[in-house]
């Protein structure tokens, strides 16, 4: 980056917190790349699409992300990262993307648990909440949504377990992700 040019906030481009994990980063990338994809008539925006692709390429690589995080800190950006955790400062779109990523993480976590121990697949809610690192209120919202949709159920011991509908959702999303990644890779600018 040259002097006088504004700092390019890659986390802001992807609408994620700088402390996000790889799954949250990928979920935000997939959502935004799909939203701005040139083939999507209603919301196509090639500039935003290219910015999202480039931001994701930089942040998905651990070495490039570490280098960028150093620049990010030098520009005093970490003081702004709390806005993604503060529901009052988030836009509805940021909240929805964050919630969708949390729902997906919970379902994948419970899916893995079910695959490892199909007969006794319940996981105590506090383990799921700890995995997410969220507040009690956020976890109750996620739990309520997933129970109401029928994607999870509570077992006799009060643990959460993925249902058949939840497994079907994971499979459908996995298939969709593979197809979206193929389309995005075809439309993305080359590294040349």
Protein backbone atom coordinates (compact mmCIF):
# COMPACT_ATOMS: atom_id res chain seq x y z
CA UNK A 1 0.00 0.00 0.00
CA UNK A 2 1.36 3.41 -0.92
CA UNK A 3 1.45 6.50 1.30
CA UNK A 4 -1.67 8.67 1.18
CA UNK A 5 -3.88 5.78 0.09
CA UNK A 6 -6.63 4.90 2.59
CA UNK A 7 -6.20 1.67 4.56
CA UNK A 8 -8.15 -1.18 3.00
CA UNK A 9 -10.10 -2.85 5.85
CA UNK A 10 -10.47 -6.45 4.66
CA UNK A 11 -12.49 -7.45 7.72
CA UNK A 12 -14.97 -4.66 7.02
CA UNK A 13 -15.26 -5.76 3.37
CA UNK A 14 -16.25 -9.25 4.55
CA UNK A 15 -18.40 -7.95 7.46
CA UNK A 16 -16.53 -10.08 10.00
CA UNK A 17 -14.79 -9.44 13.29
CA UNK A 18 -10.98 -9.61 13.20
CA UNK A 19 -11.18 -12.44 15.75
CA UNK A 20 -13.37 -14.60 13.51
CA UNK A 21 -12.40 -18.20 12.87
CA UNK A 22 -11.96 -19.85 9.47
CA UNK A 23 -15.55 -21.08 9.29
CA UNK A 24 -17.01 -17.63 10.01
CA UNK A 25 -14.66 -16.12 7.44
CA UNK A 26 -15.71 -18.66 4.83
CA UNK A 27 -19.43 -18.28 5.62
CA UNK A 28 -19.23 -14.51 5.20
CA UNK A 29 -17.22 -14.90 2.00
CA UNK A 30 -19.71 -17.35 0.48
CA UNK A 31 -22.67 -15.16 1.40
CA UNK A 32 -21.15 -11.95 -0.01
CA UNK A 33 -19.61 -13.55 -3.10
CA UNK A 34 -22.97 -15.06 -3.94
CA UNK A 35 -24.72 -11.74 -3.24
CA UNK A 36 -22.43 -9.70 -5.51
CA UNK A 37 -21.75 -12.41 -8.12
CA UNK A 38 -21.95 -11.02 -11.68
CA UNK A 39 -24.57 -13.63 -12.63
CA UNK A 40 -26.98 -12.46 -9.92
CA UNK A 41 -29.11 -9.85 -11.68
CA UNK A 42 -30.70 -8.21 -8.64
CA UNK A 43 -27.54 -7.58 -6.59
CA UNK A 44 -24.60 -7.98 -8.99
CA UNK A 45 -21.69 -5.65 -8.27
CA UNK A 46 -18.39 -6.62 -9.88
CA UNK A 47 -16.33 -4.15 -7.82
CA UNK A 48 -17.70 -5.47 -4.53
CA UNK A 49 -17.43 -9.06 -5.77
CA UNK A 50 -13.74 -8.58 -6.65
CA UNK A 51 -13.08 -6.85 -3.32
CA UNK A 52 -14.70 -9.75 -1.43
CA UNK A 53 -12.69 -12.33 -3.39
CA UNK A 54 -9.41 -10.47 -2.80
CA UNK A 55 -10.15 -9.92 0.90
CA UNK A 56 -10.93 -13.60 1.37
CA UNK A 57 -7.77 -14.68 -0.47
CA UNK A 58 -5.68 -12.50 1.83
CA UNK A 59 -7.36 -13.56 5.07
CA UNK A 60 -7.74 -17.29 4.44
CA UNK A 61 -3.97 -17.76 4.19
CA UNK A 62 -2.55 -17.84 7.76
CA UNK A 63 0.75 -16.15 6.81
CA UNK A 64 -0.90 -13.39 4.79
CA UNK A 65 -3.50 -12.89 7.52
CA UNK A 66 -0.81 -12.57 10.21
CA UNK A 67 1.02 -10.00 8.09
CA UNK A 68 -2.21 -8.11 7.43
CA UNK A 69 -3.15 -8.20 11.14
CA UNK A 70 0.13 -6.43 11.89
CA UNK A 71 -0.79 -3.67 9.43
CA UNK A 72 -4.33 -3.65 10.81
CA UNK A 73 -3.03 -3.02 14.33
CA UNK A 74 -0.61 -0.34 13.10
CA UNK A 75 -3.57 1.53 11.63
CA UNK A 76 -5.38 1.39 14.97
CA UNK A 77 -8.19 -0.75 13.62
CA UNK A 78 -8.51 -3.24 16.48
CA UNK A 79 -10.23 -0.63 18.61
CA UNK A 80 -13.14 -0.79 16.15
CA UNK A 81 -13.60 -4.56 16.17
CA UNK A 82 -16.03 -4.53 19.10
CA UNK A 83 -18.72 -3.11 16.84
CA UNK A 84 -19.22 -6.57 15.33
CA UNK A 85 -19.93 -7.99 18.77
CA UNK A 86 -22.23 -5.19 19.84
CA UNK A 87 -25.70 -5.86 18.47
CA UNK A 88 -26.59 -2.18 18.81
CA UNK A 89 -23.85 -1.17 16.36
CA UNK A 90 -24.35 -4.03 13.86
CA UNK A 91 -26.44 -3.66 10.78
CA UNK A 92 -29.26 -6.18 10.34
CA UNK A 93 -27.26 -7.76 7.50
CA UNK A 94 -24.17 -8.21 9.71
CA UNK A 95 -26.30 -9.69 12.49
CA UNK A 96 -28.03 -12.08 10.10
CA UNK A 97 -24.72 -13.23 8.57
CA UNK A 98 -23.25 -13.72 12.03
CA UNK A 99 -26.33 -15.63 13.22
CA UNK A 100 -26.36 -17.84 10.12
CA UNK A 101 -22.69 -18.66 10.71
CA UNK A 102 -23.45 -19.55 14.34
CA UNK A 103 -26.38 -21.77 13.31
CA UNK A 104 -24.15 -23.56 10.81
CA UNK A 105 -21.37 -24.02 13.39
CA UNK A 106 -23.81 -25.50 15.89
CA UNK A 107 -25.26 -27.89 13.33
CA UNK A 108 -21.80 -29.00 12.14
CA UNK A 109 -20.74 -29.52 15.77
CA UNK A 110 -23.83 -31.60 16.52
CA UNK A 111 -23.50 -33.43 13.19
CA UNK A 112 -19.95 -34.46 14.10
CA UNK A 113 -21.16 -35.57 17.53
CA UNK A 114 -23.96 -37.66 15.98
CA UNK A 115 -21.56 -39.29 13.51
CA UNK A 116 -19.13 -40.22 16.29
CA UNK A 117 -21.81 -41.62 18.60
CA UNK A 118 -25.12 -42.10 16.80
CA UNK A 119 -26.92 -43.73 19.73
CA UNK A 120 -25.91 -41.15 22.38
CA UNK A 121 -25.44 -37.93 20.43
CA UNK A 122 -26.62 -35.31 22.90
CA UNK A 123 -24.25 -32.47 23.79
CA UNK A 124 -24.77 -30.29 26.86
CA UNK A 125 -25.79 -26.78 25.88
CA UNK A 126 -22.94 -25.16 27.80
CA UNK A 127 -20.41 -27.06 25.63
CA UNK A 128 -22.07 -25.72 22.50
CA UNK A 129 -22.16 -22.21 23.97
CA UNK A 130 -18.49 -22.48 24.96
CA UNK A 131 -17.58 -23.61 21.42
CA UNK A 132 -19.34 -20.52 20.04
CA UNK A 133 -18.00 -18.13 22.67
CA UNK A 134 -21.33 -16.30 22.81
CA UNK A 135 -23.47 -14.75 25.54
CA UNK A 136 -26.33 -16.60 27.24
CA UNK A 137 -28.86 -14.45 25.35
CA UNK A 138 -27.26 -15.17 21.98
CA UNK A 139 -27.12 -18.90 22.72
CA UNK A 140 -30.78 -18.95 23.77
CA UNK A 141 -31.71 -17.27 20.49
CA UNK A 142 -29.68 -19.81 18.45
CA UNK A 143 -31.12 -22.72 20.47
CA UNK A 144 -34.68 -21.42 20.07
CA UNK A 145 -34.30 -21.02 16.30
CA UNK A 146 -32.76 -24.46 15.71
CA UNK A 147 -35.34 -26.18 17.93
CA UNK A 148 -38.25 -24.34 16.26
CA UNK A 149 -36.97 -25.29 12.79
CA UNK A 150 -36.68 -28.92 13.88
CA UNK A 151 -32.94 -29.05 13.15
CA UNK A 152 -32.08 -29.99 16.74
CA UNK A 153 -33.86 -31.66 19.62
CA UNK A 154 -33.22 -32.14 23.31
CA UNK A 155 -32.56 -35.67 24.55
CA UNK A 156 -33.64 -37.24 27.85
CA UNK A 157 -30.58 -35.78 29.61
CA UNK A 158 -31.33 -32.27 28.30
CA UNK A 159 -28.51 -32.28 25.74
CA UNK A 160 -28.85 -30.97 22.21
CA UNK A 161 -28.74 -33.42 19.30
CA UNK A 162 -29.08 -32.92 15.57
CA UNK A 163 -32.23 -34.32 13.96
CA UNK A 164 -32.69 -35.97 10.57
CA UNK A 165 -33.83 -32.57 9.23
CA UNK A 166 -30.64 -31.02 10.61
CA UNK A 167 -28.50 -33.68 8.93
CA UNK A 168 -30.37 -33.11 5.67
CA UNK A 169 -29.69 -29.37 5.98
CA UNK A 170 -25.95 -29.99 6.50
CA UNK A 171 -25.84 -32.28 3.46
CA UNK A 172 -27.78 -29.81 1.30
CA UNK A 173 -25.57 -26.90 2.39
CA UNK A 174 -22.44 -28.93 1.73
CA UNK A 175 -23.58 -29.71 -1.80
CA UNK A 176 -24.54 -26.08 -2.35
CA UNK A 177 -21.19 -24.88 -1.00
CA UNK A 178 -19.26 -27.12 -3.38
CA UNK A 179 -21.26 -25.78 -6.34
CA UNK A 180 -20.97 -22.13 -5.21
CA UNK A 181 -17.22 -22.44 -4.73
CA UNK A 182 -16.93 -23.89 -8.23
CA UNK A 183 -18.90 -20.96 -9.71
CA UNK A 184 -17.00 -18.39 -7.66
CA UNK A 185 -13.66 -19.86 -8.71
CA UNK A 186 -14.72 -19.63 -12.35
CA UNK A 187 -15.75 -15.97 -12.01
CA UNK A 188 -12.90 -14.80 -9.76
CA UNK A 189 -10.06 -12.75 -11.21
CA UNK A 190 -6.86 -14.73 -11.62
CA UNK A 191 -3.83 -14.24 -9.33
CA UNK A 192 -1.71 -13.17 -12.32
